[in-house]
Amino acid sequence: MTEQSQDAIPHGDPYAIFDDWFAQAQQSEPNDPNAMALATATPDGAPSLRMVLLKGHGADLGPAFDGAGGFVFYTNFHSRKGGELAANPQVALLFHWKSLRRQIRIEGPVVEVSAAAADAYFASRHPESRLGSAASDQSRPLPSRQVYLDRVAAIRADHPDGNVPRPAHWSGYRVVPRAIEFWQDRDYRLHERRRFVADGNGGWTSTLLYP
């Protein structure tokens, strides 16, 4: 296959490119195509990294987000990442779709989602997932797994209908991208990279990068 016959990463709307790649990943990835690595850091620059799930994306996320755009994930604000984001609200995201031999890197600040958006997403989760979130003191020491399971059981007993309210410390963040970089594997490591940078006026500039 020649370079000319391969699909090149175009200049254009990076959200549209993301949508296209994400749709392809949903068809090809065996598990969790919405999984992304989330990097945070303390104010003095000590990094930490974990996998989370993307729960919303696009240039316009809809009325619950007042038409704002970005990439949304949810978490326990009392967790390690929650504490780091409260002190240093800058993140980096990485999607790696091995089946497609592609990566996307996203960098920018985070903004807390509204209570209404968090309530709506929490209510959409499976009741058992809601129970688990309500029972968890995420990132804090746990004497034994049974302690956690007992807390889940106690909350289940209090809410046999499964209608567990969202804990006040459980909510979400919207990542506001300042840069989005697309990476496509090519033969012989002649990879292709295009980096988009927000221009501050609602548009984007982009350039190819050496691999």
Protein backbone atom coordinates (compact mmCIF):
# COMPACT_ATOMS: atom_id res chain seq x y z
CA MET A 1 0.00 0.00 0.00
CA THR A 2 1.45 3.35 -0.99
CA GLU A 3 1.38 6.43 1.23
CA GLN A 4 -0.90 8.13 -1.30
CA SER A 5 -3.55 5.39 -0.94
CA GLN A 6 -3.74 5.68 2.85
CA ASP A 7 -6.16 8.06 4.55
CA ALA A 8 -4.20 11.07 5.75
CA ILE A 9 -5.13 13.04 8.87
CA PRO A 10 -6.72 16.20 7.46
CA HIS A 11 -6.79 19.75 8.71
CA GLY A 12 -10.34 20.60 9.72
CA ASP A 13 -12.54 20.29 12.78
CA PRO A 14 -10.75 18.12 15.36
CA TYR A 15 -14.06 17.26 17.03
CA ALA A 16 -15.31 15.85 13.72
CA ILE A 17 -12.12 13.82 13.28
CA PHE A 18 -12.48 12.53 16.84
CA ASP A 19 -16.09 11.54 16.16
CA ASP A 20 -15.04 9.58 13.08
CA TRP A 21 -12.18 7.77 14.81
CA PHE A 22 -14.29 7.08 17.90
CA ALA A 23 -17.09 5.59 15.80
CA GLN A 24 -14.58 3.28 14.14
CA ALA A 25 -13.16 2.29 17.54
CA GLN A 26 -16.64 1.39 18.75
CA GLN A 27 -16.83 -1.11 15.92
CA SER A 28 -13.34 -2.59 16.30
CA GLU A 29 -12.24 -2.44 19.95
CA PRO A 30 -13.13 -5.58 21.93
CA ASN A 31 -13.68 -3.72 25.21
CA ASP A 32 -14.36 -0.15 26.36
CA PRO A 33 -13.56 1.95 23.29
CA ASN A 34 -14.32 4.96 25.51
CA ALA A 35 -11.49 4.11 27.92
CA MET A 36 -8.90 6.87 28.22
CA ALA A 37 -5.83 7.48 30.32
CA LEU A 38 -6.24 10.55 32.52
CA ALA A 39 -3.10 12.30 33.74
CA THR A 40 -3.23 14.75 36.64
CA ALA A 41 -0.52 16.37 38.74
CA THR A 42 -0.04 17.94 42.13
CA PRO A 43 0.74 21.69 42.33
CA ASP A 44 4.46 20.83 42.56
CA GLY A 45 4.29 18.70 39.41
CA ALA A 46 4.17 15.11 40.70
CA PRO A 47 2.11 13.23 38.10
CA SER A 48 -0.38 10.39 38.44
CA LEU A 49 -2.21 8.40 35.79
CA ARG A 50 -5.23 6.12 35.60
CA MET A 51 -7.85 4.85 33.17
CA VAL A 52 -11.34 6.40 33.21
CA LEU A 53 -14.30 6.29 30.83
CA LEU A 54 -15.35 9.05 28.46
CA LYS A 55 -19.04 9.86 29.05
CA GLY A 56 -19.61 12.77 26.70
CA HIS A 57 -17.78 14.53 23.88
CA GLY A 58 -18.30 17.07 21.15
CA ALA A 59 -18.19 20.73 20.24
CA ASP A 60 -21.70 21.14 21.70
CA LEU A 61 -22.57 18.85 24.59
CA GLY A 62 -26.17 20.01 24.71
CA PRO A 63 -28.44 21.97 27.05
CA ALA A 64 -27.15 20.31 30.24
CA PHE A 65 -23.77 21.88 29.45
CA ASP A 66 -25.15 25.17 28.11
CA GLY A 67 -23.94 24.22 24.64
CA ALA A 68 -20.29 24.09 25.72
CA GLY A 69 -17.93 21.55 24.20
CA GLY A 70 -15.27 19.22 25.49
CA PHE A 71 -14.72 15.74 26.86
CA VAL A 72 -16.59 14.62 29.98
CA PHE A 73 -15.79 12.08 32.69
CA TYR A 74 -17.20 11.46 36.18
CA THR A 75 -15.50 10.63 39.46
CA ASN A 76 -15.47 10.91 43.22
CA PHE A 77 -14.17 14.36 44.13
CA HIS A 78 -12.65 12.89 47.33
CA SER A 79 -10.42 10.57 45.29
CA ARG A 80 -6.76 11.21 44.61
CA LYS A 81 -7.50 12.61 41.17
CA GLY A 82 -10.27 14.75 42.63
CA GLY A 83 -7.87 16.26 45.13
CA GLU A 84 -5.23 16.88 42.48
CA LEU A 85 -7.75 18.47 40.14
CA ALA A 86 -9.00 20.76 42.89
CA ALA A 87 -5.45 22.00 43.39
CA ASN A 88 -4.26 21.91 39.77
CA PRO A 89 -7.15 21.78 37.24
CA GLN A 90 -5.05 20.81 34.22
CA VAL A 91 -5.16 17.37 32.61
CA ALA A 92 -3.98 15.30 29.70
CA LEU A 93 -6.03 12.51 28.12
CA LEU A 94 -4.86 9.65 25.94
CA PHE A 95 -6.96 7.30 23.84
CA HIS A 96 -5.12 4.27 22.46
CA TRP A 97 -7.06 2.09 20.05
CA LYS A 98 -4.80 -0.87 19.38
CA SER A 99 -7.17 -2.43 16.85
CA LEU A 100 -6.89 0.72 14.70
CA ARG A 101 -3.25 1.49 15.52
CA ARG A 102 -4.25 5.01 16.53
CA GLN A 103 -3.83 7.39 19.42
CA ILE A 104 -5.42 10.72 20.35
CA ARG A 105 -3.90 13.07 22.93
CA ILE A 106 -5.93 15.89 24.48
CA GLU A 107 -4.66 18.62 26.81
CA GLY A 108 -6.47 21.38 28.68
CA PRO A 109 -8.13 22.61 31.86
CA VAL A 110 -11.14 21.02 33.51
CA VAL A 111 -14.45 22.60 34.51
CA GLU A 112 -16.83 20.96 36.98
CA VAL A 113 -20.09 19.91 35.35
CA SER A 114 -23.41 21.25 36.69
CA ALA A 115 -25.32 19.41 39.40
CA ALA A 116 -28.09 18.78 36.87
CA ALA A 117 -25.68 17.11 34.43
CA ALA A 118 -24.16 15.00 37.21
CA ASP A 119 -27.61 13.99 38.49
CA ALA A 120 -28.74 12.97 35.01
CA TYR A 121 -25.69 10.81 34.37
CA PHE A 122 -25.73 9.23 37.84
CA ALA A 123 -29.41 8.31 37.40
CA SER A 124 -28.59 6.63 34.07
CA ARG A 125 -26.12 4.21 35.67
CA HIS A 126 -26.95 0.65 36.65
CA PRO A 127 -28.30 0.55 40.25
CA GLU A 128 -25.39 -1.64 41.35
CA SER A 129 -22.91 0.91 39.98
CA ARG A 130 -24.72 3.66 41.90
CA LEU A 131 -24.52 1.57 45.06
CA GLY A 132 -20.80 1.02 44.57
CA SER A 133 -20.12 4.71 44.10
CA ALA A 134 -22.18 5.72 47.12
CA ALA A 135 -20.39 3.17 49.33
CA SER A 136 -16.85 4.01 48.23
CA ASP A 137 -14.39 6.32 49.97
CA GLN A 138 -12.37 6.22 46.78
CA SER A 139 -8.56 6.15 47.10
CA ARG A 140 -8.68 5.89 50.91
CA PRO A 141 -7.31 2.87 52.83
CA LEU A 142 -9.71 -0.09 53.04
CA PRO A 143 -9.27 -2.61 55.92
CA SER A 144 -10.72 -5.46 53.86
CA ARG A 145 -12.84 -5.94 50.76
CA GLN A 146 -15.63 -7.28 52.99
CA VAL A 147 -15.93 -3.89 54.67
CA TYR A 148 -16.70 -2.34 51.28
CA LEU A 149 -19.16 -5.11 50.36
CA ASP A 150 -20.92 -4.68 53.69
CA ARG A 151 -21.32 -0.96 53.04
CA VAL A 152 -22.80 -1.71 49.62
CA ALA A 153 -25.23 -4.15 51.20
CA ALA A 154 -26.28 -1.62 53.85
CA ILE A 155 -27.05 1.04 51.24
CA ARG A 156 -28.91 -1.54 49.15
CA ALA A 157 -31.06 -2.34 52.18
CA ASP A 158 -31.88 1.35 52.60
CA HIS A 159 -32.74 1.70 48.90
CA PRO A 160 -34.35 -1.59 47.80
CA ASP A 161 -35.79 0.12 44.73
CA GLY A 162 -32.25 0.90 43.55
CA ASN A 163 -32.95 4.64 43.53
CA VAL A 164 -29.71 5.67 45.21
CA PRO A 165 -29.22 9.44 45.31
CA ARG A 166 -26.03 10.91 43.91
CA PRO A 167 -23.50 11.64 46.68
CA ALA A 168 -22.63 15.34 46.83
CA HIS A 169 -18.94 14.53 46.33
CA TRP A 170 -19.59 12.47 43.18
CA SER A 171 -19.76 14.54 40.02
CA GLY A 172 -17.95 15.16 36.77
CA TYR A 173 -15.50 17.28 34.86
CA ARG A 174 -15.51 18.67 31.36
CA VAL A 175 -12.08 18.86 29.77
CA VAL A 176 -11.79 22.01 27.65
CA PRO A 177 -9.26 21.08 24.98
CA ARG A 178 -6.48 23.52 24.21
CA ALA A 179 -4.69 20.95 22.07
CA ILE A 180 -5.77 17.74 20.34
CA GLU A 181 -3.22 15.52 18.63
CA PHE A 182 -4.00 12.62 16.31
CA TRP A 183 -1.46 9.83 15.74
CA GLN A 184 -1.74 7.16 13.05
CA ASP A 185 0.59 4.18 12.87
CA ARG A 186 2.32 3.78 9.51
CA ASP A 187 4.54 1.05 8.11
CA TYR A 188 8.20 1.05 9.14
CA ARG A 189 7.43 3.56 11.92
CA LEU A 190 6.88 6.35 9.39
CA HIS A 191 3.96 7.44 11.56
CA GLU A 192 1.68 10.41 10.95
CA ARG A 193 0.88 13.07 13.56
CA ARG A 194 -1.27 16.19 13.37
CA ARG A 195 -1.62 18.57 16.30
CA PHE A 196 -4.51 21.03 16.62
CA VAL A 197 -4.23 24.06 18.91
CA ALA A 198 -7.21 26.22 19.91
CA ASP A 199 -6.78 29.75 18.55
CA GLY A 200 -8.79 31.43 21.31
CA ASN A 201 -11.54 32.53 18.92
CA GLY A 202 -13.43 29.29 18.58
CA GLY A 203 -11.22 27.94 15.81
CA TRP A 204 -8.17 25.76 15.46
CA THR A 205 -4.77 25.87 13.87
CA SER A 206 -2.99 22.64 13.00
CA THR A 207 0.31 21.34 11.80
CA LEU A 208 1.85 18.00 11.00
CA LEU A 209 4.58 16.86 13.41
CA TYR A 210 7.57 14.66 12.80
CA PRO A 211 6.83 11.20 14.26
